[in-house]
Amino acid sequence: MESNRGDRRDTETTVIYVSREFFDMIKSGTKTLELRVAFPSFAKLTPGNRVNFSSGSGEQIEVRILAIRNYKTIDDVKTSEDLSRLAPGMTERQLTSAAKRIFKESDIQKHGLLMIEFAKMA
């Protein structure tokens, strides 16, 4: 007999917390990429999964994952991704500075980075 555990996990919706600024960008549709340290807790995310973004205020935005990409460094991200979809309105320098504030270099070296490409649910 097969376990339902895999099925149940596939239907669970992951909540990812973001700053209010980024939440508003997701809500407006201008932000369609999210960068995270590739901690094991994100290993279950796959294209087709639903994710809810929250700013912590109770409001959430449901999205569907379109693609997952892995990177070793911030520089790899900067050379491979459309940064205007990750942090609309930020320059590359501002994005680098923000990433250094948000992510610990030791975490990046240990786990790498995970780019989540998504589309808002209707």
PDB file of N, CA and C in Angstrom:
ATOM      1  N   MET A   1       0.839  -1.188   0.000  1.00  0.00           N
ATOM      2  CA  MET A   1       0.000   0.000   0.000  1.00  0.00           C
ATOM      3  C   MET A   1       0.881   1.247   0.000  1.00  0.00           C
ATOM      4  N   GLU A   2       0.583   2.204  -0.870  1.00  0.00           N
ATOM      5  CA  GLU A   2       1.376   3.410  -0.960  1.00  0.00           C
ATOM      6  C   GLU A   2       0.933   4.433   0.074  1.00  0.00           C
ATOM      7  N   SER A   3       1.880   5.182   0.558  1.00  0.00           N
ATOM      8  CA  SER A   3       1.599   6.224   1.537  1.00  0.00           C
ATOM      9  C   SER A   3       1.027   7.451   0.845  1.00  0.00           C
ATOM     10  N   ASN A   4       0.131   8.151   1.521  1.00  0.00           N
ATOM     11  CA  ASN A   4      -0.410   9.412   1.012  1.00  0.00           C
ATOM     12  C   ASN A   4       0.488  10.592   1.351  1.00  0.00           C
ATOM     13  N   ARG A   5       1.548  10.321   2.095  1.00  0.00           N
ATOM     14  CA  ARG A   5       2.391  11.409   2.572  1.00  0.00           C
ATOM     15  C   ARG A   5       2.891  12.289   1.431  1.00  0.00           C
ATOM     16  N   GLY A   6       3.377  11.702   0.363  1.00  0.00           N
ATOM     17  CA  GLY A   6       3.864  12.484  -0.775  1.00  0.00           C
ATOM     18  C   GLY A   6       2.764  13.321  -1.374  1.00  0.00           C
ATOM     19  N   ASP A   7       1.560  12.747  -1.495  1.00  0.00           N
ATOM     20  CA  ASP A   7       0.437  13.493  -2.046  1.00  0.00           C
ATOM     21  C   ASP A   7       0.063  14.672  -1.156  1.00  0.00           C
ATOM     22  N   ARG A   8       0.052  14.447   0.148  1.00  0.00           N
ATOM     23  CA  ARG A   8      -0.323  15.499   1.078  1.00  0.00           C
ATOM     24  C   ARG A   8       0.687  16.648   1.000  1.00  0.00           C
ATOM     25  N   ARG A   9       1.953  16.311   0.943  1.00  0.00           N
ATOM     26  CA  ARG A   9       2.975  17.340   0.882  1.00  0.00           C
ATOM     27  C   ARG A   9       2.850  18.151  -0.398  1.00  0.00           C
ATOM     28  N   ASP A  10       2.507  17.500  -1.497  1.00  0.00           N
ATOM     29  CA  ASP A  10       2.377  18.192  -2.765  1.00  0.00           C
ATOM     30  C   ASP A  10       1.233  19.198  -2.757  1.00  0.00           C
ATOM     31  N   THR A  11       0.220  18.988  -1.914  1.00  0.00           N
ATOM     32  CA  THR A  11      -0.920  19.887  -1.894  1.00  0.00           C
ATOM     33  C   THR A  11      -0.772  20.978  -0.832  1.00  0.00           C
ATOM     34  N   GLU A  12       0.217  20.854   0.058  1.00  0.00           N
ATOM     35  CA  GLU A  12       0.440  21.895   1.053  1.00  0.00           C
ATOM     36  C   GLU A  12       0.956  23.143   0.355  1.00  0.00           C
ATOM     37  N   THR A  13       0.553  24.293   0.854  1.00  0.00           N
ATOM     38  CA  THR A  13       1.033  25.550   0.289  1.00  0.00           C
ATOM     39  C   THR A  13       2.092  26.122   1.207  1.00  0.00           C
ATOM     40  N   THR A  14       3.252  26.382   0.658  1.00  0.00           N
ATOM     41  CA  THR A  14       4.354  26.984   1.394  1.00  0.00           C
ATOM     42  C   THR A  14       4.127  28.481   1.487  1.00  0.00           C
ATOM     43  N   VAL A  15       4.428  29.055   2.641  1.00  0.00           N
ATOM     44  CA  VAL A  15       4.354  30.500   2.821  1.00  0.00           C
ATOM     45  C   VAL A  15       5.777  31.038   2.886  1.00  0.00           C
ATOM     46  N   ILE A  16       6.051  32.040   2.055  1.00  0.00           N
ATOM     47  CA  ILE A  16       7.348  32.696   2.045  1.00  0.00           C
ATOM     48  C   ILE A  16       7.136  34.146   2.457  1.00  0.00           C
ATOM     49  N   TYR A  17       7.836  34.551   3.499  1.00  0.00           N
ATOM     50  CA  TYR A  17       7.702  35.915   4.009  1.00  0.00           C
ATOM     51  C   TYR A  17       8.686  36.840   3.302  1.00  0.00           C
ATOM     52  N   VAL A  18       8.177  38.000   2.886  1.00  0.00           N
ATOM     53  CA  VAL A  18       8.976  39.016   2.215  1.00  0.00           C
ATOM     54  C   VAL A  18       8.671  40.371   2.845  1.00  0.00           C
ATOM     55  N   SER A  19       9.555  41.325   2.612  1.00  0.00           N
ATOM     56  CA  SER A  19       9.310  42.678   3.114  1.00  0.00           C
ATOM     57  C   SER A  19       8.075  43.266   2.436  1.00  0.00           C
ATOM     58  N   ARG A  20       7.488  44.258   3.066  1.00  0.00           N
ATOM     59  CA  ARG A  20       6.300  44.903   2.507  1.00  0.00           C
ATOM     60  C   ARG A  20       6.597  45.468   1.116  1.00  0.00           C
ATOM     61  N   GLU A  21       7.786  46.028   0.954  1.00  0.00           N
ATOM     62  CA  GLU A  21       8.184  46.593  -0.337  1.00  0.00           C
ATOM     63  C   GLU A  21       8.133  45.527  -1.437  1.00  0.00           C
ATOM     64  N   PHE A  22       8.721  44.355  -1.179  1.00  0.00           N
ATOM     65  CA  PHE A  22       8.716  43.288  -2.176  1.00  0.00           C
ATOM     66  C   PHE A  22       7.319  42.686  -2.331  1.00  0.00           C
ATOM     67  N   PHE A  23       6.570  42.602  -1.248  1.00  0.00           N
ATOM     68  CA  PHE A  23       5.196  42.102  -1.317  1.00  0.00           C
ATOM     69  C   PHE A  23       4.371  42.959  -2.286  1.00  0.00           C
ATOM     70  N   ASP A  24       4.505  44.275  -2.167  1.00  0.00           N
ATOM     71  CA  ASP A  24       3.751  45.178  -3.043  1.00  0.00           C
ATOM     72  C   ASP A  24       4.169  45.003  -4.501  1.00  0.00           C
ATOM     73  N   MET A  25       5.454  44.730  -4.740  1.00  0.00           N
ATOM     74  CA  MET A  25       5.932  44.485  -6.103  1.00  0.00           C
ATOM     75  C   MET A  25       5.344  43.189  -6.667  1.00  0.00           C
ATOM     76  N   ILE A  26       5.246  42.165  -5.821  1.00  0.00           N
ATOM     77  CA  ILE A  26       4.628  40.900  -6.247  1.00  0.00           C
ATOM     78  C   ILE A  26       3.151  41.140  -6.545  1.00  0.00           C
ATOM     79  N   LYS A  27       2.495  41.873  -5.666  1.00  0.00           N
ATOM     80  CA  LYS A  27       1.067  42.163  -5.824  1.00  0.00           C
ATOM     81  C   LYS A  27       0.795  42.913  -7.132  1.00  0.00           C
ATOM     82  N   SER A  28       1.678  43.844  -7.476  1.00  0.00           N
ATOM     83  CA  SER A  28       1.487  44.626  -8.700  1.00  0.00           C
ATOM     84  C   SER A  28       1.885  43.849  -9.955  1.00  0.00           C
ATOM     85  N   GLY A  29       2.580  42.725  -9.773  1.00  0.00           N
ATOM     86  CA  GLY A  29       2.996  41.912 -10.907  1.00  0.00           C
ATOM     87  C   GLY A  29       4.353  42.274 -11.485  1.00  0.00           C
ATOM     88  N   THR A  30       5.038  43.264 -10.881  1.00  0.00           N
ATOM     89  CA  THR A  30       6.348  43.656 -11.415  1.00  0.00           C
ATOM     90  C   THR A  30       7.477  42.746 -10.929  1.00  0.00           C
ATOM     91  N   LYS A  31       7.306  42.108  -9.794  1.00  0.00           N
ATOM     92  CA  LYS A  31       8.312  41.174  -9.258  1.00  0.00           C
ATOM     93  C   LYS A  31       7.829  39.756  -9.518  1.00  0.00           C
ATOM     94  N   THR A  32       8.594  39.013 -10.328  1.00  0.00           N
ATOM     95  CA  THR A  32       8.211  37.637 -10.676  1.00  0.00           C
ATOM     96  C   THR A  32       9.327  36.647 -10.403  1.00  0.00           C
ATOM     97  N   LEU A  33      10.358  37.098  -9.685  1.00  0.00           N
ATOM     98  CA  LEU A  33      11.456  36.234  -9.259  1.00  0.00           C
ATOM     99  C   LEU A  33      11.714  36.459  -7.783  1.00  0.00           C
ATOM    100  N   GLU A  34      12.015  35.389  -7.054  1.00  0.00           N
ATOM    101  CA  GLU A  34      12.358  35.481  -5.637  1.00  0.00           C
ATOM    102  C   GLU A  34      13.629  34.681  -5.415  1.00  0.00           C
ATOM    103  N   LEU A  35      14.604  35.308  -4.763  1.00  0.00           N
ATOM    104  CA  LEU A  35      15.885  34.666  -4.483  1.00  0.00           C
ATOM    105  C   LEU A  35      15.964  34.302  -3.015  1.00  0.00           C
ATOM    106  N   ARG A  36      16.377  33.082  -2.754  1.00  0.00           N
ATOM    107  CA  ARG A  36      16.524  32.580  -1.391  1.00  0.00           C
ATOM    108  C   ARG A  36      17.796  31.756  -1.287  1.00  0.00           C
ATOM    109  N   VAL A  37      18.333  31.657  -0.054  1.00  0.00           N
ATOM    110  CA  VAL A  37      19.368  30.659   0.190  1.00  0.00           C
ATOM    111  C   VAL A  37      18.680  29.310   0.021  1.00  0.00           C
ATOM    112  N   ALA A  38      19.352  28.367  -0.615  1.00  0.00           N
ATOM    113  CA  ALA A  38      18.740  27.063  -0.926  1.00  0.00           C
ATOM    114  C   ALA A  38      18.773  26.134   0.290  1.00  0.00           C
ATOM    115  N   PHE A  39      18.167  26.597   1.374  1.00  0.00           N
ATOM    116  CA  PHE A  39      18.069  25.774   2.577  1.00  0.00           C
ATOM    117  C   PHE A  39      17.248  24.526   2.269  1.00  0.00           C
ATOM    118  N   PRO A  40      17.482  23.437   2.986  1.00  0.00           N
ATOM    119  CA  PRO A  40      16.722  22.199   2.746  1.00  0.00           C
ATOM    120  C   PRO A  40      15.206  22.388   2.814  1.00  0.00           C
ATOM    121  N   SER A  41      14.732  23.357   3.579  1.00  0.00           N
ATOM    122  CA  SER A  41      13.284  23.580   3.686  1.00  0.00           C
ATOM    123  C   SER A  41      12.658  23.971   2.342  1.00  0.00           C
ATOM    124  N   PHE A  42      13.472  24.446   1.396  1.00  0.00           N
ATOM    125  CA  PHE A  42      12.963  24.800   0.074  1.00  0.00           C
ATOM    126  C   PHE A  42      13.108  23.664  -0.934  1.00  0.00           C
ATOM    127  N   ALA A  43      13.706  22.553  -0.530  1.00  0.00           N
ATOM    128  CA  ALA A  43      13.975  21.439  -1.449  1.00  0.00           C
ATOM    129  C   ALA A  43      12.702  20.843  -2.042  1.00  0.00           C
ATOM    130  N   LYS A  44      11.587  20.956  -1.317  1.00  0.00           N
ATOM    131  CA  LYS A  44      10.333  20.369  -1.808  1.00  0.00           C
ATOM    132  C   LYS A  44       9.663  21.195  -2.901  1.00  0.00           C
ATOM    133  N   LEU A  45      10.118  22.426  -3.109  1.00  0.00           N
ATOM    134  CA  LEU A  45       9.494  23.280  -4.117  1.00  0.00           C
ATOM    135  C   LEU A  45       9.862  22.814  -5.515  1.00  0.00           C
ATOM    136  N   THR A  46       8.848  22.692  -6.350  1.00  0.00           N
ATOM    137  CA  THR A  46       9.046  22.289  -7.740  1.00  0.00           C
ATOM    138  C   THR A  46       8.101  23.087  -8.627  1.00  0.00           C
ATOM    139  N   PRO A  47       8.421  23.195  -9.914  1.00  0.00           N
ATOM    140  CA  PRO A  47       7.498  23.878 -10.820  1.00  0.00           C
ATOM    141  C   PRO A  47       6.094  23.270 -10.730  1.00  0.00           C
ATOM    142  N   GLY A  48       5.107  24.133 -10.721  1.00  0.00           N
ATOM    143  CA  GLY A  48       3.716  23.707 -10.588  1.00  0.00           C
ATOM    144  C   GLY A  48       3.179  23.865  -9.177  1.00  0.00           C
ATOM    145  N   ASN A  49       4.079  23.886  -8.167  1.00  0.00           N
ATOM    146  CA  ASN A  49       3.643  24.085  -6.783  1.00  0.00           C
ATOM    147  C   ASN A  49       3.073  25.482  -6.604  1.00  0.00           C
ATOM    148  N   ARG A  50       2.176  25.592  -5.640  1.00  0.00           N
ATOM    149  CA  ARG A  50       1.650  26.894  -5.241  1.00  0.00           C
ATOM    150  C   ARG A  50       2.425  27.377  -4.023  1.00  0.00           C
ATOM    151  N   VAL A  51       2.653  28.684  -3.983  1.00  0.00           N
ATOM    152  CA  VAL A  51       3.339  29.326  -2.867  1.00  0.00           C
ATOM    153  C   VAL A  51       2.544  30.574  -2.523  1.00  0.00           C
ATOM    154  N   ASN A  52       2.448  30.869  -1.247  1.00  0.00           N
ATOM    155  CA  ASN A  52       1.840  32.119  -0.809  1.00  0.00           C
ATOM    156  C   ASN A  52       2.940  33.033  -0.299  1.00  0.00           C
ATOM    157  N   PHE A  53       2.988  34.260  -0.834  1.00  0.00           N
ATOM    158  CA  PHE A  53       3.891  35.271  -0.306  1.00  0.00           C
ATOM    159  C   PHE A  53       3.130  36.082   0.720  1.00  0.00           C
ATOM    160  N   SER A  54       3.798  36.422   1.824  1.00  0.00           N
ATOM    161  CA  SER A  54       3.185  37.202   2.890  1.00  0.00           C
ATOM    162  C   SER A  54       4.179  38.234   3.390  1.00  0.00           C
ATOM    163  N   SER A  55       3.652  39.393   3.755  1.00  0.00           N
ATOM    164  CA  SER A  55       4.495  40.421   4.371  1.00  0.00           C
ATOM    165  C   SER A  55       4.414  40.329   5.888  1.00  0.00           C
ATOM    166  N   GLY A  56       3.644  39.367   6.383  1.00  0.00           N
ATOM    167  CA  GLY A  56       3.472  39.214   7.819  1.00  0.00           C
ATOM    168  C   GLY A  56       2.263  39.951   8.354  1.00  0.00           C
ATOM    169  N   SER A  57       1.546  40.673   7.501  1.00  0.00           N
ATOM    170  CA  SER A  57       0.386  41.451   7.935  1.00  0.00           C
ATOM    171  C   SER A  57      -0.918  40.653   7.879  1.00  0.00           C
ATOM    172  N   GLY A  58      -0.820  39.417   7.411  1.00  0.00           N
ATOM    173  CA  GLY A  58      -2.014  38.598   7.254  1.00  0.00           C
ATOM    174  C   GLY A  58      -2.443  38.472   5.808  1.00  0.00           C
ATOM    175  N   GLU A  59      -2.122  39.465   5.004  1.00  0.00           N
ATOM    176  CA  GLU A  59      -2.452  39.419   3.579  1.00  0.00           C
ATOM    177  C   GLU A  59      -1.465  38.500   2.864  1.00  0.00           C
ATOM    178  N   GLN A  60      -1.975  37.688   1.943  1.00  0.00           N
ATOM    179  CA  GLN A  60      -1.119  36.779   1.187  1.00  0.00           C
ATOM    180  C   GLN A  60      -1.458  36.860  -0.297  1.00  0.00           C
ATOM    181  N   ILE A  61      -0.454  36.534  -1.098  1.00  0.00           N
ATOM    182  CA  ILE A  61      -0.628  36.467  -2.550  1.00  0.00           C
ATOM    183  C   ILE A  61      -0.235  35.068  -2.982  1.00  0.00           C
ATOM    184  N   GLU A  62      -1.155  34.390  -3.675  1.00  0.00           N
ATOM    185  CA  GLU A  62      -0.874  33.034  -4.145  1.00  0.00           C
ATOM    186  C   GLU A  62      -0.249  33.092  -5.538  1.00  0.00           C
ATOM    187  N   VAL A  63       0.837  32.329  -5.696  1.00  0.00           N
ATOM    188  CA  VAL A  63       1.522  32.235  -6.981  1.00  0.00           C
ATOM    189  C   VAL A  63       1.748  30.766  -7.317  1.00  0.00           C
ATOM    190  N   ARG A  64       2.033  30.508  -8.578  1.00  0.00           N
ATOM    191  CA  ARG A  64       2.412  29.171  -9.035  1.00  0.00           C
ATOM    192  C   ARG A  64       3.862  29.241  -9.486  1.00  0.00           C
ATOM    193  N   ILE A  65       4.658  28.278  -9.044  1.00  0.00           N
ATOM    194  CA  ILE A  65       6.063  28.228  -9.433  1.00  0.00           C
ATOM    195  C   ILE A  65       6.164  27.784 -10.887  1.00  0.00           C
ATOM    196  N   LEU A  66       6.874  28.568 -11.679  1.00  0.00           N
ATOM    197  CA  LEU A  66       7.110  28.245 -13.084  1.00  0.00           C
ATOM    198  C   LEU A  66       8.438  27.521 -13.273  1.00  0.00           C
ATOM    199  N   ALA A  67       9.449  27.925 -12.503  1.00  0.00           N
ATOM    200  CA  ALA A  67      10.782  27.330 -12.637  1.00  0.00           C
ATOM    201  C   ALA A  67      11.568  27.547 -11.354  1.00  0.00           C
ATOM    202  N   ILE A  68      12.520  26.656 -11.128  1.00  0.00           N
ATOM    203  CA  ILE A  68      13.462  26.748 -10.016  1.00  0.00           C
ATOM    204  C   ILE A  68      14.855  26.653 -10.622  1.00  0.00           C
ATOM    205  N   ARG A  69      15.715  27.607 -10.265  1.00  0.00           N
ATOM    206  CA  ARG A  69      17.093  27.566 -10.756  1.00  0.00           C
ATOM    207  C   ARG A  69      18.045  27.708  -9.568  1.00  0.00           C
ATOM    208  N   ASN A  70      19.146  26.992  -9.621  1.00  0.00           N
ATOM    209  CA  ASN A  70      20.136  27.016  -8.544  1.00  0.00           C
ATOM    210  C   ASN A  70      21.386  27.752  -8.990  1.00  0.00           C
ATOM    211  N   TYR A  71      21.948  28.511  -8.065  1.00  0.00           N
ATOM    212  CA  TYR A  71      23.168  29.275  -8.320  1.00  0.00           C
ATOM    213  C   TYR A  71      24.120  29.117  -7.147  1.00  0.00           C
ATOM    214  N   LYS A  72      25.403  29.293  -7.429  1.00  0.00           N
ATOM    215  CA  LYS A  72      26.416  29.192  -6.374  1.00  0.00           C
ATOM    216  C   LYS A  72      26.724  30.537  -5.738  1.00  0.00           C
ATOM    217  N   THR A  73      26.596  31.617  -6.514  1.00  0.00           N
ATOM    218  CA  THR A  73      26.958  32.945  -6.009  1.00  0.00           C
ATOM    219  C   THR A  73      25.969  34.002  -6.493  1.00  0.00           C
ATOM    220  N   ILE A  74      26.017  35.148  -5.835  1.00  0.00           N
ATOM    221  CA  ILE A  74      25.223  36.298  -6.271  1.00  0.00           C
ATOM    222  C   ILE A  74      25.669  36.720  -7.668  1.00  0.00           C
ATOM    223  N   ASP A  75      26.968  36.670  -7.934  1.00  0.00           N
ATOM    224  CA  ASP A  75      27.468  37.044  -9.257  1.00  0.00           C
ATOM    225  C   ASP A  75      26.875  36.150 -10.347  1.00  0.00           C
ATOM    226  N   ASP A  76      26.713  34.858 -10.054  1.00  0.00           N
ATOM    227  CA  ASP A  76      26.078  33.947 -11.015  1.00  0.00           C
ATOM    228  C   ASP A  76      24.650  34.394 -11.310  1.00  0.00           C
ATOM    229  N   VAL A  77      23.948  34.802 -10.266  1.00  0.00           N
ATOM    230  CA  VAL A  77      22.569  35.284 -10.428  1.00  0.00           C
ATOM    231  C   VAL A  77      22.562  36.530 -11.310  1.00  0.00           C
ATOM    232  N   LYS A  78      23.462  37.463 -11.021  1.00  0.00           N
ATOM    233  CA  LYS A  78      23.490  38.734 -11.757  1.00  0.00           C
ATOM    234  C   LYS A  78      23.790  38.548 -13.235  1.00  0.00           C
ATOM    235  N   THR A  79      24.561  37.535 -13.579  1.00  0.00           N
ATOM    236  CA  THR A  79      24.899  37.331 -14.990  1.00  0.00           C
ATOM    237  C   THR A  79      23.869  36.468 -15.720  1.00  0.00           C
ATOM    238  N   SER A  80      22.978  35.808 -14.986  1.00  0.00           N
ATOM    239  CA  SER A  80      22.043  34.873 -15.612  1.00  0.00           C
ATOM    240  C   SER A  80      20.584  35.303 -15.585  1.00  0.00           C
ATOM    241  N   GLU A  81      20.217  36.213 -14.715  1.00  0.00           N
ATOM    242  CA  GLU A  81      18.806  36.557 -14.515  1.00  0.00           C
ATOM    243  C   GLU A  81      18.508  38.000 -14.914  1.00  0.00           C
ATOM    244  N   ASP A  82      17.245  38.251 -15.213  1.00  0.00           N
ATOM    245  CA  ASP A  82      16.753  39.594 -15.476  1.00  0.00           C
ATOM    246  C   ASP A  82      16.478  40.241 -14.115  1.00  0.00           C
ATOM    247  N   LEU A  83      17.405  41.065 -13.660  1.00  0.00           N
ATOM    248  CA  LEU A  83      17.324  41.626 -12.315  1.00  0.00           C
ATOM    249  C   LEU A  83      16.119  42.534 -12.132  1.00  0.00           C
ATOM    250  N   SER A  84      15.573  43.068 -13.226  1.00  0.00           N
ATOM    251  CA  SER A  84      14.382  43.916 -13.102  1.00  0.00           C
ATOM    252  C   SER A  84      13.164  43.104 -12.681  1.00  0.00           C
ATOM    253  N   ARG A  85      13.211  41.793 -12.856  1.00  0.00           N
ATOM    254  CA  ARG A  85      12.106  40.927 -12.406  1.00  0.00           C
ATOM    255  C   ARG A  85      12.313  40.475 -10.961  1.00  0.00           C
ATOM    256  N   LEU A  86      13.541  40.608 -10.464  1.00  0.00           N
ATOM    257  CA  LEU A  86      13.871  40.219  -9.089  1.00  0.00           C
ATOM    258  C   LEU A  86      13.661  41.374  -8.122  1.00  0.00           C
ATOM    259  N   ALA A  87      14.150  42.541  -8.499  1.00  0.00           N
ATOM    260  CA  ALA A  87      14.047  43.718  -7.637  1.00  0.00           C
ATOM    261  C   ALA A  87      13.782  44.947  -8.520  1.00  0.00           C
ATOM    262  N   PRO A  88      12.541  45.091  -8.979  1.00  0.00           N
ATOM    263  CA  PRO A  88      12.206  46.203  -9.870  1.00  0.00           C
ATOM    264  C   PRO A  88      12.613  47.556  -9.281  1.00  0.00           C
ATOM    265  N   GLY A  89      13.269  48.355 -10.119  1.00  0.00           N
ATOM    266  CA  GLY A  89      13.670  49.690  -9.691  1.00  0.00           C
ATOM    267  C   GLY A  89      15.023  49.763  -9.013  1.00  0.00           C
ATOM    268  N   MET A  90      15.607  48.628  -8.694  1.00  0.00           N
ATOM    269  CA  MET A  90      16.919  48.619  -8.046  1.00  0.00           C
ATOM    270  C   MET A  90      18.015  48.484  -9.089  1.00  0.00           C
ATOM    271  N   THR A  91      19.118  49.184  -8.855  1.00  0.00           N
ATOM    272  CA  THR A  91      20.284  49.012  -9.708  1.00  0.00           C
ATOM    273  C   THR A  91      20.998  47.719  -9.310  1.00  0.00           C
ATOM    274  N   GLU A  92      21.895  47.272 -10.154  1.00  0.00           N
ATOM    275  CA  GLU A  92      22.673  46.066  -9.823  1.00  0.00           C
ATOM    276  C   GLU A  92      23.460  46.274  -8.525  1.00  0.00           C
ATOM    277  N   ARG A  93      23.988  47.461  -8.353  1.00  0.00           N
ATOM    278  CA  ARG A  93      24.749  47.763  -7.131  1.00  0.00           C
ATOM    279  C   ARG A  93      23.850  47.703  -5.891  1.00  0.00           C
ATOM    280  N   GLN A  94      22.653  48.280  -5.994  1.00  0.00           N
ATOM    281  CA  GLN A  94      21.705  48.239  -4.877  1.00  0.00           C
ATOM    282  C   GLN A  94      21.289  46.802  -4.562  1.00  0.00           C
ATOM    283  N   LEU A  95      21.074  46.017  -5.606  1.00  0.00           N
ATOM    284  CA  LEU A  95      20.699  44.621  -5.412  1.00  0.00           C
ATOM    285  C   LEU A  95      21.815  43.843  -4.713  1.00  0.00           C
ATOM    286  N   THR A  96      23.041  44.057  -5.133  1.00  0.00           N
ATOM    287  CA  THR A  96      24.186  43.385  -4.503  1.00  0.00           C
ATOM    288  C   THR A  96      24.276  43.767  -3.034  1.00  0.00           C
ATOM    289  N   SER A  97      24.106  45.036  -2.747  1.00  0.00           N
ATOM    290  CA  SER A  97      24.159  45.510  -1.367  1.00  0.00           C
ATOM    291  C   SER A  97      23.038  44.888  -0.527  1.00  0.00           C
ATOM    292  N   ALA A  98      21.841  44.853  -1.082  1.00  0.00           N
ATOM    293  CA  ALA A  98      20.702  44.257  -0.367  1.00  0.00           C
ATOM    294  C   ALA A  98      20.940  42.775  -0.114  1.00  0.00           C
ATOM    295  N   ALA A  99      21.451  42.065  -1.115  1.00  0.00           N
ATOM    296  CA  ALA A  99      21.708  40.635  -0.962  1.00  0.00           C
ATOM    297  C   ALA A  99      22.731  40.377   0.135  1.00  0.00           C
ATOM    298  N   LYS A 100      23.743  41.223   0.223  1.00  0.00           N
ATOM    299  CA  LYS A 100      24.763  41.059   1.268  1.00  0.00           C
ATOM    300  C   LYS A 100      24.188  41.311   2.655  1.00  0.00           C
ATOM    301  N   ARG A 101      23.183  42.200   2.747  1.00  0.00           N
ATOM    302  CA  ARG A 101      22.517  42.447   4.028  1.00  0.00           C
ATOM    303  C   ARG A 101      21.597  41.293   4.412  1.00  0.00           C
ATOM    304  N   ILE A 102      20.930  40.722   3.420  1.00  0.00           N
ATOM    305  CA  ILE A 102      19.905  39.704   3.671  1.00  0.00           C
ATOM    306  C   ILE A 102      20.498  38.316   3.869  1.00  0.00           C
ATOM    307  N   PHE A 103      21.470  37.943   3.043  1.00  0.00           N
ATOM    308  CA  PHE A 103      22.008  36.576   3.045  1.00  0.00           C
ATOM    309  C   PHE A 103      23.390  36.525   3.678  1.00  0.00           C
ATOM    310  N   LYS A 104      23.602  35.545   4.546  1.00  0.00           N
ATOM    311  CA  LYS A 104      24.932  35.320   5.117  1.00  0.00           C
ATOM    312  C   LYS A 104      25.794  34.611   4.085  1.00  0.00           C
ATOM    313  N   GLU A 105      27.007  35.116   3.887  1.00  0.00           N
ATOM    314  CA  GLU A 105      27.922  34.514   2.914  1.00  0.00           C
ATOM    315  C   GLU A 105      28.177  33.043   3.244  1.00  0.00           C
ATOM    316  N   SER A 106      28.276  32.710   4.528  1.00  0.00           N
ATOM    317  CA  SER A 106      28.516  31.311   4.925  1.00  0.00           C
ATOM    318  C   SER A 106      27.343  30.417   4.518  1.00  0.00           C
ATOM    319  N   ASP A 107      26.115  30.945   4.568  1.00  0.00           N
ATOM    320  CA  ASP A 107      24.943  30.170   4.136  1.00  0.00           C
ATOM    321  C   ASP A 107      24.972  29.950   2.630  1.00  0.00           C
ATOM    322  N   ILE A 108      25.358  30.991   1.886  1.00  0.00           N
ATOM    323  CA  ILE A 108      25.444  30.858   0.425  1.00  0.00           C
ATOM    324  C   ILE A 108      26.498  29.826   0.059  1.00  0.00           C
ATOM    325  N   GLN A 109      27.645  29.879   0.710  1.00  0.00           N
ATOM    326  CA  GLN A 109      28.717  28.924   0.412  1.00  0.00           C
ATOM    327  C   GLN A 109      28.292  27.490   0.727  1.00  0.00           C
ATOM    328  N   LYS A 110      27.550  27.323   1.791  1.00  0.00           N
ATOM    329  CA  LYS A 110      27.123  25.976   2.211  1.00  0.00           C
ATOM    330  C   LYS A 110      25.971  25.435   1.376  1.00  0.00           C
ATOM    331  N   HIS A 111      24.970  26.278   1.082  1.00  0.00           N
ATOM    332  CA  HIS A 111      23.733  25.804   0.450  1.00  0.00           C
ATOM    333  C   HIS A 111      23.523  26.268  -0.988  1.00  0.00           C
ATOM    334  N   GLY A 112      24.173  27.353  -1.365  1.00  0.00           N
ATOM    335  CA  GLY A 112      23.908  27.944  -2.672  1.00  0.00           C
ATOM    336  C   GLY A 112      22.661  28.806  -2.618  1.00  0.00           C
ATOM    337  N   LEU A 113      22.229  29.250  -3.783  1.00  0.00           N
ATOM    338  CA  LEU A 113      21.063  30.121  -3.902  1.00  0.00           C
ATOM    339  C   LEU A 113      20.008  29.474  -4.784  1.00  0.00           C
ATOM    340  N   LEU A 114      18.762  29.806  -4.505  1.00  0.00           N
ATOM    341  CA  LEU A 114      17.626  29.249  -5.227  1.00  0.00           C
ATOM    342  C   LEU A 114      16.817  30.413  -5.806  1.00  0.00           C
ATOM    343  N   MET A 115      16.639  30.400  -7.118  1.00  0.00           N
ATOM    344  CA  MET A 115      15.795  31.396  -7.772  1.00  0.00           C
ATOM    345  C   MET A 115      14.450  30.747  -8.052  1.00  0.00           C
ATOM    346  N   ILE A 116      13.408  31.376  -7.573  1.00  0.00           N
ATOM    347  CA  ILE A 116      12.057  30.893  -7.791  1.00  0.00           C
ATOM    348  C   ILE A 116      11.385  31.837  -8.786  1.00  0.00           C
ATOM    349  N   GLU A 117      11.041  31.305  -9.956  1.00  0.00           N
ATOM    350  CA  GLU A 117      10.294  32.080 -10.943  1.00  0.00           C
ATOM    351  C   GLU A 117       8.824  31.732 -10.772  1.00  0.00           C
ATOM    352  N   PHE A 118       7.963  32.724 -10.745  1.00  0.00           N
ATOM    353  CA  PHE A 118       6.555  32.476 -10.432  1.00  0.00           C
ATOM    354  C   PHE A 118       5.625  33.387 -11.211  1.00  0.00           C
ATOM    355  N   ALA A 119       4.355  33.007 -11.222  1.00  0.00           N
ATOM    356  CA  ALA A 119       3.297  33.824 -11.808  1.00  0.00           C
ATOM    357  C   ALA A 119       2.152  33.884 -10.800  1.00  0.00           C
ATOM    358  N   LYS A 120       1.539  35.071 -10.680  1.00  0.00           N
ATOM    359  CA  LYS A 120       0.393  35.230  -9.785  1.00  0.00           C
ATOM    360  C   LYS A 120      -0.761  34.358 -10.267  1.00  0.00           C
ATOM    361  N   MET A 121      -1.490  33.805  -9.302  1.00  0.00           N
ATOM    362  CA  MET A 121      -2.693  33.039  -9.615  1.00  0.00           C
ATOM    363  C   MET A 121      -3.820  34.042  -9.881  1.00  0.00           C
ATOM    364  N   ALA A 122      -4.699  33.682 -10.770  1.00  0.00           N
ATOM    365  CA  ALA A 122      -5.814  34.568 -11.126  1.00  0.00           C
ATOM    366  C   ALA A 122      -6.799  34.701 -10.001  1.00  0.00           C
TER     367      ALA A 122
END
